[in-house]
Amino acid sequence: MSPADWATFALGAIGAFFFLGGTLGLLRFPDLFSRLHALTKADNLGLGFIVAGLLFQTGSVAVGLKLILIWGLALFASSTACYAIGRHALTRSGTATGEEAENERS
């Protein structure tokens, strides 16, 4: 095996570790917001490591740029979906946000 194969394997294993950590966070954390935080952060980092490992196996710069673009789009989609789910849960639960809490204290 070449050094590029070892780097791909190592980065892929690190990425899989972060995916496992995000899944455990999803299953173990008590509330929705903690679960969302654990899942989005760990999965984005895990995908980043896997993409970094795959960059060693690409045959051209164009394929590498496509992989980086896919990772960027996944980052954007994940943060947008996390925000939408969290915002919906916050408005449905009736929990006061910072500004509303200030108005309630007055």
C-alpha atoms as a PDB file:
ATOM      1  CA  MET A   1       0.000   0.000   0.000  1.00  0.00           C
ATOM      2  CA  SER A   2       1.177   3.458  -0.864  1.00  0.00           C
ATOM      3  CA  PRO A   3       1.333   6.372   1.592  1.00  0.00           C
ATOM      4  CA  ALA A   4      -1.726   7.880  -0.114  1.00  0.00           C
ATOM      5  CA  ASP A   5      -3.673   4.685   0.630  1.00  0.00           C
ATOM      6  CA  TRP A   6      -2.638   4.829   4.280  1.00  0.00           C
ATOM      7  CA  ALA A   7      -3.648   8.493   4.523  1.00  0.00           C
ATOM      8  CA  THR A   8      -7.014   7.689   2.937  1.00  0.00           C
ATOM      9  CA  PHE A   9      -7.559   4.837   5.375  1.00  0.00           C
ATOM     10  CA  ALA A  10      -6.538   6.921   8.403  1.00  0.00           C
ATOM     11  CA  LEU A  11      -8.674   9.926   7.470  1.00  0.00           C
ATOM     12  CA  GLY A  12     -11.613   7.682   6.615  1.00  0.00           C
ATOM     13  CA  ALA A  13     -11.326   5.958   9.996  1.00  0.00           C
ATOM     14  CA  ILE A  14     -11.209   9.320  11.780  1.00  0.00           C
ATOM     15  CA  GLY A  15     -14.262  10.433   9.806  1.00  0.00           C
ATOM     16  CA  ALA A  16     -16.104   7.243  10.729  1.00  0.00           C
ATOM     17  CA  PHE A  17     -15.213   7.864  14.389  1.00  0.00           C
ATOM     18  CA  PHE A  18     -16.826  11.313  14.218  1.00  0.00           C
ATOM     19  CA  PHE A  19     -19.913   9.881  12.523  1.00  0.00           C
ATOM     20  CA  LEU A  20     -20.159   7.328  15.333  1.00  0.00           C
ATOM     21  CA  GLY A  21     -19.781  10.100  17.907  1.00  0.00           C
ATOM     22  CA  GLY A  22     -22.555  12.113  16.278  1.00  0.00           C
ATOM     23  CA  THR A  23     -24.820   9.086  16.250  1.00  0.00           C
ATOM     24  CA  LEU A  24     -24.144   8.401  19.919  1.00  0.00           C
ATOM     25  CA  GLY A  25     -24.870  12.057  20.678  1.00  0.00           C
ATOM     26  CA  LEU A  26     -28.148  11.775  18.809  1.00  0.00           C
ATOM     27  CA  LEU A  27     -29.122   8.757  20.876  1.00  0.00           C
ATOM     28  CA  ARG A  28     -27.795   9.839  24.276  1.00  0.00           C
ATOM     29  CA  PHE A  29     -28.328  13.592  24.700  1.00  0.00           C
ATOM     30  CA  PRO A  30     -31.468  14.603  26.576  1.00  0.00           C
ATOM     31  CA  ASP A  31     -33.032  17.382  24.508  1.00  0.00           C
ATOM     32  CA  LEU A  32     -33.509  18.272  20.873  1.00  0.00           C
ATOM     33  CA  PHE A  33     -31.061  21.169  20.812  1.00  0.00           C
ATOM     34  CA  SER A  34     -28.198  19.136  22.290  1.00  0.00           C
ATOM     35  CA  ARG A  35     -28.922  16.355  19.823  1.00  0.00           C
ATOM     36  CA  LEU A  36     -28.934  18.738  16.876  1.00  0.00           C
ATOM     37  CA  HIS A  37     -25.671  20.286  17.992  1.00  0.00           C
ATOM     38  CA  ALA A  38     -23.935  16.942  18.411  1.00  0.00           C
ATOM     39  CA  LEU A  39     -25.238  15.561  15.156  1.00  0.00           C
ATOM     40  CA  THR A  40     -24.455  18.521  12.914  1.00  0.00           C
ATOM     41  CA  LYS A  41     -21.009  19.281  14.310  1.00  0.00           C
ATOM     42  CA  ALA A  42     -19.768  15.712  14.392  1.00  0.00           C
ATOM     43  CA  ASP A  43     -21.237  14.755  11.026  1.00  0.00           C
ATOM     44  CA  ASN A  44     -19.820  17.816   9.289  1.00  0.00           C
ATOM     45  CA  LEU A  45     -16.391  17.120  10.733  1.00  0.00           C
ATOM     46  CA  GLY A  46     -16.658  13.420   9.877  1.00  0.00           C
ATOM     47  CA  LEU A  47     -17.599  14.208   6.302  1.00  0.00           C
ATOM     48  CA  GLY A  48     -14.694  16.640   6.110  1.00  0.00           C
ATOM     49  CA  PHE A  49     -12.230  13.951   7.158  1.00  0.00           C
ATOM     50  CA  ILE A  50     -13.674  11.478   4.691  1.00  0.00           C
ATOM     51  CA  VAL A  51     -13.493  14.011   1.865  1.00  0.00           C
ATOM     52  CA  ALA A  52      -9.910  14.837   2.857  1.00  0.00           C
ATOM     53  CA  GLY A  53      -9.081  11.142   2.667  1.00  0.00           C
ATOM     54  CA  LEU A  54     -10.729  10.785  -0.717  1.00  0.00           C
ATOM     55  CA  LEU A  55      -8.721  13.719  -2.063  1.00  0.00           C
ATOM     56  CA  PHE A  56      -5.639  11.473  -1.947  1.00  0.00           C
ATOM     57  CA  GLN A  57      -7.359   9.039  -4.321  1.00  0.00           C
ATOM     58  CA  THR A  58      -8.567  11.505  -6.942  1.00  0.00           C
ATOM     59  CA  GLY A  59      -6.907  11.430 -10.298  1.00  0.00           C
ATOM     60  CA  SER A  60      -7.525  15.053 -11.196  1.00  0.00           C
ATOM     61  CA  VAL A  61      -7.957  18.461  -9.660  1.00  0.00           C
ATOM     62  CA  ALA A  62     -11.486  18.717 -11.059  1.00  0.00           C
ATOM     63  CA  VAL A  63     -12.635  15.656  -9.115  1.00  0.00           C
ATOM     64  CA  GLY A  64     -11.005  17.021  -5.964  1.00  0.00           C
ATOM     65  CA  LEU A  65     -12.777  20.345  -6.381  1.00  0.00           C
ATOM     66  CA  LYS A  66     -16.069  18.527  -6.874  1.00  0.00           C
ATOM     67  CA  LEU A  67     -15.529  16.640  -3.614  1.00  0.00           C
ATOM     68  CA  ILE A  68     -14.802  19.902  -1.794  1.00  0.00           C
ATOM     69  CA  LEU A  69     -17.900  21.468  -3.361  1.00  0.00           C
ATOM     70  CA  ILE A  70     -20.022  18.528  -2.198  1.00  0.00           C
ATOM     71  CA  TRP A  71     -18.645  18.946   1.328  1.00  0.00           C
ATOM     72  CA  GLY A  72     -19.411  22.672   1.242  1.00  0.00           C
ATOM     73  CA  LEU A  73     -22.961  22.045   0.075  1.00  0.00           C
ATOM     74  CA  ALA A  74     -23.421  19.449   2.828  1.00  0.00           C
ATOM     75  CA  LEU A  75     -22.167  21.991   5.395  1.00  0.00           C
ATOM     76  CA  PHE A  76     -24.644  24.569   4.130  1.00  0.00           C
ATOM     77  CA  ALA A  77     -27.561  22.131   3.983  1.00  0.00           C
ATOM     78  CA  SER A  78     -26.814  20.703   7.416  1.00  0.00           C
ATOM     79  CA  SER A  79     -26.626  24.072   9.139  1.00  0.00           C
ATOM     80  CA  THR A  80     -29.754  25.298   7.365  1.00  0.00           C
ATOM     81  CA  ALA A  81     -31.719  22.186   8.276  1.00  0.00           C
ATOM     82  CA  CYS A  82     -30.495  22.332  11.873  1.00  0.00           C
ATOM     83  CA  TYR A  83     -31.547  25.964  12.140  1.00  0.00           C
ATOM     84  CA  ALA A  84     -34.976  25.245  10.656  1.00  0.00           C
ATOM     85  CA  ILE A  85     -35.625  22.278  12.951  1.00  0.00           C
ATOM     86  CA  GLY A  86     -34.402  24.161  16.023  1.00  0.00           C
ATOM     87  CA  ARG A  87     -36.393  27.272  15.200  1.00  0.00           C
ATOM     88  CA  HIS A  88     -39.550  25.244  14.611  1.00  0.00           C
ATOM     89  CA  ALA A  89     -39.093  23.394  17.899  1.00  0.00           C
ATOM     90  CA  LEU A  90     -38.470  26.666  19.722  1.00  0.00           C
ATOM     91  CA  THR A  91     -41.620  28.312  18.394  1.00  0.00           C
ATOM     92  CA  ARG A  92     -43.748  25.203  18.993  1.00  0.00           C
ATOM     93  CA  SER A  93     -42.589  24.741  22.583  1.00  0.00           C
ATOM     94  CA  GLY A  94     -43.359  28.317  23.606  1.00  0.00           C
ATOM     95  CA  THR A  95     -39.932  28.761  25.153  1.00  0.00           C
ATOM     96  CA  ALA A  96     -38.950  32.403  25.274  1.00  0.00           C
ATOM     97  CA  THR A  97     -35.945  33.513  23.269  1.00  0.00           C
ATOM     98  CA  GLY A  98     -33.550  36.176  24.488  1.00  0.00           C
ATOM     99  CA  GLU A  99     -35.542  39.212  23.329  1.00  0.00           C
ATOM    100  CA  GLU A 100     -38.854  37.803  24.521  1.00  0.00           C
ATOM    101  CA  ALA A 101     -37.315  36.961  27.894  1.00  0.00           C
ATOM    102  CA  GLU A 102     -36.189  40.593  28.301  1.00  0.00           C
ATOM    103  CA  ASN A 103     -39.731  41.798  27.563  1.00  0.00           C
ATOM    104  CA  GLU A 104     -41.173  39.373  30.116  1.00  0.00           C
ATOM    105  CA  ARG A 105     -38.844  40.652  32.873  1.00  0.00           C
ATOM    106  CA  SER A 106     -39.975  44.254  32.386  1.00  0.00           C
END
